[in-house]
Amino acid sequence: MTRVGTDLIEIERVRRALERYARFRERCFTAAERAYCDARPNPAQSYAGRFAGKEAVGKALGFGVARAFAWKEIEIVGRPKPSVRLHGRVAAWAERVGVRAIDLSMTHSRELAQAVAVVDG
């Protein structure tokens, strides 16, 4: 079975969250994700792309929105082609239901970041 998840987010919304909420980075992103995003010329753009990626993967896996999983259980790695690493209970669930592969595509404009995830299995 193949499942698809998608997400679209305003980069400015993520920028405001980064500025207003000190724990947003640590709560939602792994150390490797933070290091990558903080090293980019426009960190909010990279954080928004990864946030959308996590949402898209969660939807494709059938977890829906944020409350169903811990943000850091879905990690976006790699460049230029992003890939996904699952951790914790999300990884255990994916193994239990036979997820074989997750493909992720992310993009952004000046205002929006979008991600599409395809789960095979």
N, C-alpha and C. Protein backbone atom coordinates (compact mmCIF):
# COMPACT_ATOMS: atom_id res chain seq x y z
N MET A 1 0.84 -1.17 0.00
CA MET A 1 0.00 0.00 0.00
C MET A 1 0.89 1.25 0.00
N THR A 2 0.51 2.25 -0.77
CA THR A 2 1.23 3.52 -0.82
C THR A 2 0.33 4.61 -0.24
N ARG A 3 0.93 5.43 0.63
CA ARG A 3 0.18 6.53 1.23
C ARG A 3 0.94 7.83 1.01
N VAL A 4 0.20 8.91 0.85
CA VAL A 4 0.78 10.22 0.58
C VAL A 4 0.36 11.20 1.67
N GLY A 5 1.30 12.05 2.07
CA GLY A 5 1.00 13.13 3.01
C GLY A 5 1.61 14.41 2.48
N THR A 6 0.96 15.53 2.73
CA THR A 6 1.48 16.81 2.28
C THR A 6 1.27 17.87 3.36
N ASP A 7 2.09 18.91 3.32
CA ASP A 7 1.91 20.02 4.24
C ASP A 7 2.45 21.29 3.61
N LEU A 8 1.83 22.40 3.96
CA LEU A 8 2.20 23.72 3.47
C LEU A 8 2.20 24.66 4.67
N ILE A 9 3.26 25.43 4.84
CA ILE A 9 3.34 26.33 5.99
C ILE A 9 3.94 27.66 5.58
N GLU A 10 3.48 28.71 6.24
CA GLU A 10 4.02 30.05 6.00
C GLU A 10 5.36 30.17 6.72
N ILE A 11 6.39 30.58 6.00
CA ILE A 11 7.72 30.72 6.59
C ILE A 11 7.71 31.77 7.70
N GLU A 12 6.95 32.82 7.52
CA GLU A 12 6.87 33.88 8.54
C GLU A 12 6.32 33.33 9.86
N ARG A 13 5.39 32.42 9.78
CA ARG A 13 4.84 31.80 11.00
C ARG A 13 5.93 31.06 11.77
N VAL A 14 6.79 30.35 11.05
CA VAL A 14 7.90 29.64 11.69
C VAL A 14 8.92 30.65 12.23
N ARG A 15 9.18 31.70 11.47
CA ARG A 15 10.12 32.74 11.93
C ARG A 15 9.64 33.33 13.27
N ARG A 16 8.35 33.63 13.36
CA ARG A 16 7.80 34.17 14.61
C ARG A 16 7.93 33.17 15.75
N ALA A 17 7.67 31.90 15.47
CA ALA A 17 7.81 30.88 16.52
C ALA A 17 9.25 30.78 17.00
N LEU A 18 10.20 30.87 16.07
CA LEU A 18 11.62 30.82 16.45
C LEU A 18 11.99 32.01 17.33
N GLU A 19 11.43 33.18 17.04
CA GLU A 19 11.74 34.39 17.81
C GLU A 19 11.02 34.43 19.15
N ARG A 20 9.79 33.97 19.21
CA ARG A 20 8.96 34.12 20.42
C ARG A 20 9.11 32.99 21.43
N TYR A 21 9.37 31.79 20.96
CA TYR A 21 9.35 30.62 21.84
C TYR A 21 10.73 29.98 21.88
N ALA A 22 11.43 30.20 22.96
CA ALA A 22 12.82 29.74 23.10
C ALA A 22 12.94 28.23 22.90
N ARG A 23 11.96 27.47 23.33
CA ARG A 23 12.06 26.01 23.28
C ARG A 23 11.55 25.40 21.98
N PHE A 24 11.05 26.19 21.06
CA PHE A 24 10.51 25.66 19.81
C PHE A 24 11.54 24.83 19.07
N ARG A 25 12.76 25.34 18.93
CA ARG A 25 13.82 24.60 18.22
C ARG A 25 14.08 23.24 18.88
N GLU A 26 14.28 23.26 20.19
CA GLU A 26 14.65 22.04 20.90
C GLU A 26 13.50 21.03 20.96
N ARG A 27 12.27 21.53 21.02
CA ARG A 27 11.12 20.64 21.14
C ARG A 27 10.80 19.95 19.81
N CYS A 28 11.03 20.65 18.70
CA CYS A 28 10.58 20.13 17.41
C CYS A 28 11.68 19.56 16.52
N PHE A 29 12.94 19.90 16.79
CA PHE A 29 14.01 19.54 15.87
C PHE A 29 15.18 18.87 16.60
N THR A 30 15.77 17.87 15.96
CA THR A 30 16.93 17.20 16.53
C THR A 30 18.14 18.13 16.48
N ALA A 31 19.20 17.76 17.18
CA ALA A 31 20.42 18.56 17.17
C ALA A 31 20.98 18.70 15.76
N ALA A 32 20.94 17.63 14.99
CA ALA A 32 21.44 17.68 13.61
C ALA A 32 20.59 18.60 12.74
N GLU A 33 19.28 18.56 12.91
CA GLU A 33 18.40 19.45 12.15
C GLU A 33 18.66 20.91 12.52
N ARG A 34 18.82 21.18 13.81
CA ARG A 34 19.11 22.55 14.26
C ARG A 34 20.44 23.04 13.70
N ALA A 35 21.45 22.20 13.72
CA ALA A 35 22.77 22.59 13.20
C ALA A 35 22.67 22.93 11.72
N TYR A 36 21.96 22.12 10.96
CA TYR A 36 21.79 22.38 9.53
C TYR A 36 21.05 23.70 9.31
N CYS A 37 19.89 23.86 9.93
CA CYS A 37 19.06 25.04 9.69
C CYS A 37 19.76 26.32 10.14
N ASP A 38 20.39 26.28 11.31
CA ASP A 38 21.06 27.47 11.83
C ASP A 38 22.25 27.90 10.98
N ALA A 39 22.81 26.99 10.20
CA ALA A 39 23.95 27.31 9.34
C ALA A 39 23.53 27.86 7.98
N ARG A 40 22.26 27.85 7.69
CA ARG A 40 21.76 28.31 6.40
C ARG A 40 21.60 29.83 6.40
N PRO A 41 21.65 30.46 5.21
CA PRO A 41 21.49 31.92 5.13
C PRO A 41 20.14 32.42 5.66
N ASN A 42 19.09 31.61 5.51
CA ASN A 42 17.76 31.96 5.99
C ASN A 42 17.24 30.80 6.84
N PRO A 43 17.63 30.75 8.12
CA PRO A 43 17.26 29.60 8.96
C PRO A 43 15.75 29.33 9.01
N ALA A 44 14.93 30.37 9.06
CA ALA A 44 13.48 30.16 9.17
C ALA A 44 12.96 29.38 7.97
N GLN A 45 13.50 29.64 6.80
CA GLN A 45 13.09 28.92 5.59
C GLN A 45 13.40 27.43 5.72
N SER A 46 14.59 27.11 6.23
CA SER A 46 14.98 25.71 6.39
C SER A 46 14.18 25.02 7.49
N TYR A 47 13.95 25.73 8.60
CA TYR A 47 13.12 25.17 9.66
C TYR A 47 11.70 24.91 9.16
N ALA A 48 11.16 25.84 8.37
CA ALA A 48 9.80 25.68 7.85
C ALA A 48 9.72 24.46 6.93
N GLY A 49 10.72 24.29 6.08
CA GLY A 49 10.72 23.12 5.20
C GLY A 49 10.74 21.82 5.99
N ARG A 50 11.57 21.76 7.03
CA ARG A 50 11.64 20.55 7.84
C ARG A 50 10.37 20.34 8.66
N PHE A 51 9.78 21.42 9.14
CA PHE A 51 8.52 21.31 9.86
C PHE A 51 7.45 20.74 8.95
N ALA A 52 7.35 21.28 7.73
CA ALA A 52 6.39 20.75 6.75
C ALA A 52 6.70 19.30 6.43
N GLY A 53 7.99 18.96 6.34
CA GLY A 53 8.38 17.58 6.07
C GLY A 53 7.91 16.63 7.15
N LYS A 54 8.08 17.03 8.40
CA LYS A 54 7.64 16.19 9.52
C LYS A 54 6.13 15.99 9.48
N GLU A 55 5.40 17.08 9.22
CA GLU A 55 3.94 16.99 9.13
C GLU A 55 3.52 16.06 7.98
N ALA A 56 4.15 16.22 6.83
CA ALA A 56 3.81 15.39 5.67
C ALA A 56 4.08 13.92 5.95
N VAL A 57 5.21 13.62 6.55
CA VAL A 57 5.54 12.23 6.89
C VAL A 57 4.54 11.69 7.90
N GLY A 58 4.23 12.47 8.93
CA GLY A 58 3.25 12.04 9.92
C GLY A 58 1.91 11.72 9.29
N LYS A 59 1.48 12.55 8.37
CA LYS A 59 0.20 12.31 7.69
C LYS A 59 0.27 11.06 6.82
N ALA A 60 1.37 10.90 6.09
CA ALA A 60 1.50 9.72 5.23
C ALA A 60 1.55 8.43 6.05
N LEU A 61 2.12 8.50 7.23
CA LEU A 61 2.18 7.32 8.10
C LEU A 61 0.84 7.06 8.78
N GLY A 62 -0.06 8.02 8.73
CA GLY A 62 -1.36 7.85 9.37
C GLY A 62 -1.41 8.39 10.78
N PHE A 63 -0.41 9.17 11.17
CA PHE A 63 -0.39 9.74 12.50
C PHE A 63 -1.10 11.08 12.56
N GLY A 64 -1.37 11.69 11.43
CA GLY A 64 -2.08 12.96 11.42
C GLY A 64 -1.24 14.11 11.91
N VAL A 65 -1.77 14.87 12.81
CA VAL A 65 -1.11 16.10 13.25
C VAL A 65 -0.24 15.89 14.48
N ALA A 66 0.34 16.98 14.93
CA ALA A 66 1.41 17.00 15.92
C ALA A 66 1.17 16.18 17.18
N ARG A 67 0.01 16.19 17.73
CA ARG A 67 -0.19 15.53 19.02
C ARG A 67 0.01 14.02 18.97
N ALA A 68 -0.04 13.45 17.78
CA ALA A 68 0.06 12.00 17.66
C ALA A 68 1.48 11.49 17.77
N PHE A 69 2.49 12.34 17.62
CA PHE A 69 3.86 11.89 17.71
C PHE A 69 4.74 13.00 18.27
N ALA A 70 5.88 12.62 18.79
CA ALA A 70 6.86 13.61 19.23
C ALA A 70 7.60 14.11 18.00
N TRP A 71 7.75 15.41 17.89
CA TRP A 71 8.34 16.02 16.69
C TRP A 71 9.69 15.43 16.33
N LYS A 72 10.51 15.12 17.33
CA LYS A 72 11.86 14.64 17.02
C LYS A 72 11.89 13.17 16.64
N GLU A 73 10.76 12.48 16.69
CA GLU A 73 10.70 11.08 16.26
C GLU A 73 10.74 10.96 14.73
N ILE A 74 10.47 12.06 14.05
CA ILE A 74 10.61 12.13 12.59
C ILE A 74 11.73 13.13 12.33
N GLU A 75 12.83 12.63 11.79
CA GLU A 75 14.00 13.48 11.55
C GLU A 75 14.25 13.59 10.05
N ILE A 76 14.43 14.82 9.58
CA ILE A 76 14.73 15.07 8.17
C ILE A 76 16.24 15.24 8.04
N VAL A 77 16.86 14.40 7.23
CA VAL A 77 18.32 14.41 7.08
C VAL A 77 18.68 14.48 5.60
N GLY A 78 19.94 14.79 5.34
CA GLY A 78 20.46 14.72 3.99
C GLY A 78 20.25 15.98 3.19
N ARG A 79 21.12 16.13 2.22
CA ARG A 79 21.00 17.17 1.23
C ARG A 79 21.84 16.79 0.04
N PRO A 80 21.53 17.16 -1.15
CA PRO A 80 20.40 18.03 -1.45
C PRO A 80 19.06 17.30 -1.40
N LYS A 81 19.04 15.98 -1.54
CA LYS A 81 17.78 15.21 -1.47
C LYS A 81 17.52 14.82 -0.03
N PRO A 82 16.44 15.32 0.56
CA PRO A 82 16.16 14.96 1.95
C PRO A 82 15.72 13.51 2.09
N SER A 83 16.07 12.93 3.21
CA SER A 83 15.56 11.61 3.54
C SER A 83 15.03 11.66 4.96
N VAL A 84 14.44 10.57 5.41
CA VAL A 84 13.74 10.54 6.68
C VAL A 84 14.31 9.44 7.56
N ARG A 85 14.56 9.77 8.82
CA ARG A 85 14.90 8.78 9.84
C ARG A 85 13.80 8.82 10.89
N LEU A 86 13.29 7.63 11.21
CA LEU A 86 12.27 7.53 12.25
C LEU A 86 12.90 7.06 13.55
N HIS A 87 12.37 7.55 14.67
CA HIS A 87 12.88 7.19 15.99
C HIS A 87 11.71 6.84 16.90
N GLY A 88 12.01 6.20 18.00
CA GLY A 88 11.03 5.96 19.05
C GLY A 88 9.81 5.19 18.61
N ARG A 89 8.67 5.64 19.13
CA ARG A 89 7.43 4.88 18.86
C ARG A 89 6.98 4.99 17.41
N VAL A 90 7.34 6.06 16.72
CA VAL A 90 7.01 6.16 15.30
C VAL A 90 7.78 5.10 14.51
N ALA A 91 9.06 4.93 14.83
CA ALA A 91 9.86 3.89 14.16
C ALA A 91 9.30 2.51 14.45
N ALA A 92 8.94 2.25 15.71
CA ALA A 92 8.39 0.95 16.08
C ALA A 92 7.07 0.68 15.35
N TRP A 93 6.22 1.69 15.29
CA TRP A 93 4.94 1.53 14.60
C TRP A 93 5.17 1.26 13.12
N ALA A 94 6.07 2.03 12.49
CA ALA A 94 6.34 1.87 11.06
C ALA A 94 6.85 0.45 10.76
N GLU A 95 7.70 -0.05 11.62
CA GLU A 95 8.21 -1.42 11.43
C GLU A 95 7.09 -2.44 11.58
N ARG A 96 6.25 -2.22 12.58
CA ARG A 96 5.15 -3.15 12.85
C ARG A 96 4.17 -3.22 11.68
N VAL A 97 3.92 -2.10 11.01
CA VAL A 97 2.96 -2.10 9.91
C VAL A 97 3.61 -2.33 8.55
N GLY A 98 4.92 -2.53 8.53
CA GLY A 98 5.60 -2.91 7.29
C GLY A 98 5.99 -1.78 6.36
N VAL A 99 6.26 -0.61 6.91
CA VAL A 99 6.73 0.49 6.06
C VAL A 99 8.09 0.10 5.48
N ARG A 100 8.19 0.12 4.15
CA ARG A 100 9.44 -0.26 3.49
C ARG A 100 10.28 0.95 3.11
N ALA A 101 9.65 2.04 2.74
CA ALA A 101 10.40 3.22 2.28
C ALA A 101 9.56 4.47 2.48
N ILE A 102 10.25 5.58 2.70
CA ILE A 102 9.60 6.89 2.77
C ILE A 102 10.36 7.81 1.83
N ASP A 103 9.66 8.39 0.89
CA ASP A 103 10.26 9.35 -0.02
C ASP A 103 9.71 10.72 0.34
N LEU A 104 10.60 11.72 0.38
CA LEU A 104 10.20 13.06 0.79
C LEU A 104 10.71 14.09 -0.20
N SER A 105 9.86 15.02 -0.55
CA SER A 105 10.25 16.15 -1.38
C SER A 105 9.82 17.43 -0.68
N MET A 106 10.73 18.40 -0.60
CA MET A 106 10.45 19.68 0.05
C MET A 106 10.80 20.80 -0.91
N THR A 107 10.06 21.91 -0.82
CA THR A 107 10.35 23.08 -1.62
C THR A 107 9.88 24.31 -0.88
N HIS A 108 10.32 25.47 -1.33
CA HIS A 108 9.84 26.71 -0.72
C HIS A 108 9.90 27.85 -1.71
N SER A 109 9.07 28.84 -1.44
CA SER A 109 9.13 30.12 -2.14
C SER A 109 9.59 31.13 -1.09
N ARG A 110 9.44 32.39 -1.35
CA ARG A 110 9.79 33.38 -0.32
C ARG A 110 8.86 33.30 0.87
N GLU A 111 7.61 32.96 0.64
CA GLU A 111 6.62 32.99 1.70
C GLU A 111 6.21 31.63 2.26
N LEU A 112 6.31 30.58 1.45
CA LEU A 112 5.75 29.28 1.84
C LEU A 112 6.77 28.16 1.72
N ALA A 113 6.63 27.17 2.58
CA ALA A 113 7.40 25.93 2.48
C ALA A 113 6.39 24.79 2.35
N GLN A 114 6.72 23.83 1.48
CA GLN A 114 5.82 22.71 1.23
C GLN A 114 6.61 21.42 1.23
N ALA A 115 5.96 20.36 1.66
CA ALA A 115 6.57 19.04 1.62
C ALA A 115 5.52 18.00 1.22
N VAL A 116 5.98 16.99 0.50
CA VAL A 116 5.15 15.85 0.12
C VAL A 116 5.92 14.59 0.49
N ALA A 117 5.25 13.70 1.20
CA ALA A 117 5.87 12.43 1.59
C ALA A 117 5.06 11.27 1.00
N VAL A 118 5.78 10.27 0.53
CA VAL A 118 5.15 9.05 0.01
C VAL A 118 5.71 7.89 0.81
N VAL A 119 4.82 7.13 1.42
CA VAL A 119 5.20 5.97 2.23
C VAL A 119 4.80 4.72 1.48
N ASP A 120 5.76 3.82 1.33
CA ASP A 120 5.53 2.56 0.64
C ASP A 120 5.55 1.44 1.68
N GLY A 121 4.50 0.66 1.68
CA GLY A 121 4.45 -0.45 2.63
C GLY A 121 3.13 -0.57 3.33
